[in-house]
Every structure is written in C-alpha cells, then in structure tokens.
C-alpha cells in the first residue's frame, strides 16, 4: 500500500471517528434536555396538584398540563432519558479515546486494521443511527476539517428539525470526494 493510499485510509478512519464523537454528543445532549424538561414539568405539575387539593377552583388548562406532564414522566421512565444520555456519553468517550490513538501515531497497515477493528467493536454497542443527525454531524465534521460540503447530502428543513426524533432510513451518504481532502 502506497503512502498516499495509507493517508487516505487514515483520514477516512479519523473522519468517521470524529463524526461519531459529534453524533453521540448531540444524542447525549438531546436526551439530557428531554430529562430536564420532564423534571421541570413534573415539579411544576406537583405545585398545581397542591393547589388542586385546596378549595381554589383551577382552570381546565392546569388539568391538561398535568396530563401532559404525566405523559412526559411516563415516557422518561419507559425510554429512560438519563440512561440513554449515559449510553451516548460512554460511546462518545470511547470514540474520543480512539480518535486520540489515531491522531497520536503514524499508522502502519496493521495499526489501521487494529483501529478499524476497535471502531467496529464500539459501533457494535451503538443503538440504531438517526440518519439525518448523522448527516448534520458529517457536515459539521467536514467544516471542522476544512473540507468542502458542497457535494455532501443536504437535508430538507423538516428532516433537519426532526433529526433527533425520526430515523429517516432513506437518507444515505455520498462519499467525500478525494479532491476535497
């Protein structure tokens, strides 16, 4: 394998690992936000529950808010927002450690295979991927590496705002053109 091909494979590996770090950081932040929103809603609703016990009549919207809060709390228990945030935090840390190892060495072909194997071991523990979010993280990584993003896949406004909510399995990546490297 010639040196330029080796550098290209090392770049592809490093790029994928950095994109994974960004992806799992976004997913962790999403689940942490949901957990905080659920906790705030539960605390606010608890205050309204104390008012409801009193003889003061409350408007109907307080009942609706209480039901919404109960649904959020049930979702938090079933889905486990904090547990999912911890899962993505762990995956992000593992990918970050791999990124450091890749960046700290001039890779030989055997090192590259070992790092690829380690990346696959980490990916084995990943939950299913949210493709739109992965595309957004790909664009972020392209910008951080100084690569052109014009040949990358663009998202519709709806895919963009639902990136953390829908899997969008129809979205696929275009390979980063070698000229952009």
Protein backbone atom coordinates (compact mmCIF):
# COMPACT_ATOMS: atom_id res chain seq x y z
CA UNK A 1 0.00 0.00 0.00
CA UNK A 2 1.48 3.34 -1.01
CA UNK A 3 1.74 6.28 1.45
CA UNK A 4 -1.00 8.38 -0.19
CA UNK A 5 -3.45 5.47 -0.04
CA UNK A 6 -2.46 4.93 3.60
CA UNK A 7 -3.04 8.61 4.41
CA UNK A 8 -6.42 8.45 2.67
CA UNK A 9 -7.48 5.40 4.72
CA UNK A 10 -6.22 7.03 7.91
CA UNK A 11 -8.14 10.21 7.05
CA UNK A 12 -11.33 8.21 6.33
CA UNK A 13 -10.99 6.40 9.66
CA UNK A 14 -10.27 9.59 11.60
CA UNK A 15 -13.12 11.42 9.86
CA UNK A 16 -15.59 8.65 10.72
CA UNK A 17 -14.47 8.53 14.34
CA UNK A 18 -14.70 12.33 14.75
CA UNK A 19 -18.17 12.28 13.16
CA UNK A 20 -19.21 9.56 15.64
CA UNK A 21 -17.96 11.64 18.59
CA UNK A 22 -20.08 14.58 17.37
CA UNK A 23 -23.09 12.35 16.74
CA UNK A 24 -23.06 10.83 20.22
CA UNK A 25 -22.51 14.24 21.81
CA UNK A 26 -25.62 15.52 20.04
CA UNK A 27 -27.66 12.48 21.08
CA UNK A 28 -26.48 12.81 24.70
CA UNK A 29 -27.44 16.49 24.77
CA UNK A 30 -30.86 15.65 23.29
CA UNK A 31 -31.62 13.08 25.98
CA UNK A 32 -30.32 15.33 28.75
CA UNK A 33 -32.62 18.13 27.51
CA UNK A 34 -35.61 15.77 27.49
CA UNK A 35 -34.81 14.60 31.01
CA UNK A 36 -34.56 18.19 32.29
CA UNK A 37 -37.82 19.22 30.59
CA UNK A 38 -39.56 16.21 32.12
CA UNK A 39 -38.24 17.03 35.58
CA UNK A 40 -39.27 20.68 35.34
CA UNK A 41 -42.75 19.71 34.11
CA UNK A 42 -43.13 17.22 36.98
CA UNK A 43 -42.10 19.83 39.57
CA UNK A 44 -44.46 22.46 38.13
CA UNK A 45 -47.31 19.97 37.98
CA UNK A 46 -46.68 18.94 41.57
CA UNK A 47 -47.24 22.57 42.55
CA UNK A 48 -50.54 22.59 40.69
CA UNK A 49 -51.53 19.34 42.38
CA UNK A 50 -51.16 21.02 45.77
CA UNK A 51 -53.37 23.86 44.53
CA UNK A 52 -55.96 21.40 43.24
CA UNK A 53 -56.27 19.87 46.71
CA UNK A 54 -57.18 23.29 48.08
CA UNK A 55 -60.65 24.70 47.63
CA UNK A 56 -59.50 27.18 44.95
CA UNK A 57 -61.05 26.31 41.55
CA UNK A 58 -58.40 25.90 38.83
CA UNK A 59 -58.79 26.44 35.08
CA UNK A 60 -59.01 23.45 32.72
CA UNK A 61 -55.53 24.10 31.30
CA UNK A 62 -54.00 23.03 34.62
CA UNK A 63 -55.57 19.58 34.17
CA UNK A 64 -54.27 19.41 30.60
CA UNK A 65 -50.82 20.44 31.76
CA UNK A 66 -50.91 17.81 34.49
CA UNK A 67 -51.82 15.12 31.95
CA UNK A 68 -49.03 16.23 29.61
CA UNK A 69 -46.57 16.19 32.48
CA UNK A 70 -47.68 12.71 33.48
CA UNK A 71 -47.17 11.51 29.92
CA UNK A 72 -43.69 13.05 29.81
CA UNK A 73 -42.80 11.42 33.11
CA UNK A 74 -44.09 8.06 31.88
CA UNK A 75 -42.02 8.42 28.70
CA UNK A 76 -38.99 9.28 30.82
CA UNK A 77 -39.49 6.10 32.85
CA UNK A 78 -40.08 3.86 29.83
CA UNK A 79 -37.45 5.29 27.46
CA UNK A 80 -35.03 6.25 30.21
CA UNK A 81 -33.72 9.60 29.00
CA UNK A 82 -30.91 9.71 31.56
CA UNK A 83 -29.95 6.09 30.81
CA UNK A 84 -29.83 6.88 27.07
CA UNK A 85 -27.77 10.02 27.76
CA UNK A 86 -25.30 7.87 29.74
CA UNK A 87 -25.12 5.36 26.89
CA UNK A 88 -24.25 8.09 24.37
CA UNK A 89 -21.79 9.68 26.80
CA UNK A 90 -19.97 6.36 27.07
CA UNK A 91 -19.92 5.85 23.29
CA UNK A 92 -18.64 9.40 22.78
CA UNK A 93 -15.83 8.81 25.28
CA UNK A 94 -14.85 5.55 23.61
CA UNK A 95 -14.76 7.18 20.19
CA UNK A 96 -12.77 10.12 21.62
CA UNK A 97 -10.19 7.72 23.05
CA UNK A 98 -9.91 6.04 19.66
CA UNK A 99 -9.56 9.45 17.99
CA UNK A 100 -6.65 10.26 20.30
CA UNK A 101 -4.94 6.97 19.50
CA UNK A 102 -5.33 7.54 15.76
CA UNK A 103 -4.07 11.11 15.98
CA UNK A 104 -1.10 10.23 18.19
CA UNK A 105 0.56 7.87 15.75
CA UNK A 106 1.79 7.44 12.20
CA UNK A 107 -0.20 4.43 11.19
CA UNK A 108 1.12 1.32 9.58
CA UNK A 109 -1.25 -1.02 7.77
CA UNK A 110 -1.52 -3.27 10.84
CA UNK A 111 -2.33 -0.30 13.10
CA UNK A 112 -5.03 0.79 10.69
CA UNK A 113 -6.62 -2.66 10.79
CA UNK A 114 -6.49 -2.67 14.61
CA UNK A 115 -8.13 0.76 14.83
CA UNK A 116 -10.79 -0.27 12.31
CA UNK A 117 -11.47 -3.38 14.38
CA UNK A 118 -11.76 -1.25 17.54
CA UNK A 119 -14.12 1.14 15.76
CA UNK A 120 -16.32 -1.81 14.73
CA UNK A 121 -16.31 -3.05 18.35
CA UNK A 122 -17.59 0.33 19.53
CA UNK A 123 -20.17 0.54 16.73
CA UNK A 124 -21.46 -2.88 17.77
CA UNK A 125 -22.68 -1.29 21.02
CA UNK A 126 -24.41 1.64 19.28
CA UNK A 127 -28.18 1.95 19.20
CA UNK A 128 -29.72 2.40 15.73
CA UNK A 129 -28.50 5.56 13.96
CA UNK A 130 -30.59 8.64 13.27
CA UNK A 131 -29.53 9.26 9.65
CA UNK A 132 -30.47 12.95 9.43
CA UNK A 133 -28.49 13.74 12.57
CA UNK A 134 -25.58 11.72 11.20
CA UNK A 135 -25.69 13.84 8.01
CA UNK A 136 -25.67 17.02 10.10
CA UNK A 137 -22.67 15.74 12.08
CA UNK A 138 -20.98 14.79 8.81
CA UNK A 139 -21.36 18.39 7.58
CA UNK A 140 -20.04 19.73 10.91
CA UNK A 141 -17.04 17.42 10.67
CA UNK A 142 -16.41 18.47 7.06
CA UNK A 143 -16.37 22.12 8.12
CA UNK A 144 -14.08 21.40 11.08
CA UNK A 145 -11.62 19.55 8.79
CA UNK A 146 -11.75 22.38 6.26
CA UNK A 147 -13.36 20.18 3.58
CA UNK A 148 -15.92 21.40 1.10
CA UNK A 149 -19.51 20.50 1.97
CA UNK A 150 -21.00 21.35 -1.43
CA UNK A 151 -21.01 17.73 -2.66
CA UNK A 152 -22.46 16.41 0.58
CA UNK A 153 -26.04 15.40 1.11
CA UNK A 154 -28.39 18.23 2.02
CA UNK A 155 -31.45 17.81 4.22
CA UNK A 156 -34.88 19.29 3.86
CA UNK A 157 -35.95 21.74 6.55
CA UNK A 158 -38.25 19.06 8.01
CA UNK A 159 -35.51 16.42 8.15
CA UNK A 160 -33.25 18.99 9.78
CA UNK A 161 -35.64 19.88 12.61
CA UNK A 162 -36.63 16.24 13.21
CA UNK A 163 -33.07 14.88 13.09
CA UNK A 164 -33.21 13.76 16.74
CA UNK A 165 -36.75 12.40 16.50
CA UNK A 166 -37.01 10.42 13.23
CA UNK A 167 -34.61 7.84 11.84
CA UNK A 168 -35.09 8.80 8.15
CA UNK A 169 -33.79 5.48 6.84
CA UNK A 170 -33.99 6.66 3.21
CA UNK A 171 -31.07 9.09 3.72
CA UNK A 172 -27.69 7.83 2.50
CA UNK A 173 -24.24 9.40 2.41
CA UNK A 174 -22.23 10.42 -0.59
CA UNK A 175 -18.55 9.57 -0.32
CA UNK A 176 -16.31 12.53 0.44
CA UNK A 177 -14.52 13.36 -2.82
CA UNK A 178 -10.77 12.81 -2.65
CA UNK A 179 -10.18 16.25 -4.26
CA UNK A 180 -11.71 17.85 -1.15
CA UNK A 181 -9.05 16.29 1.04
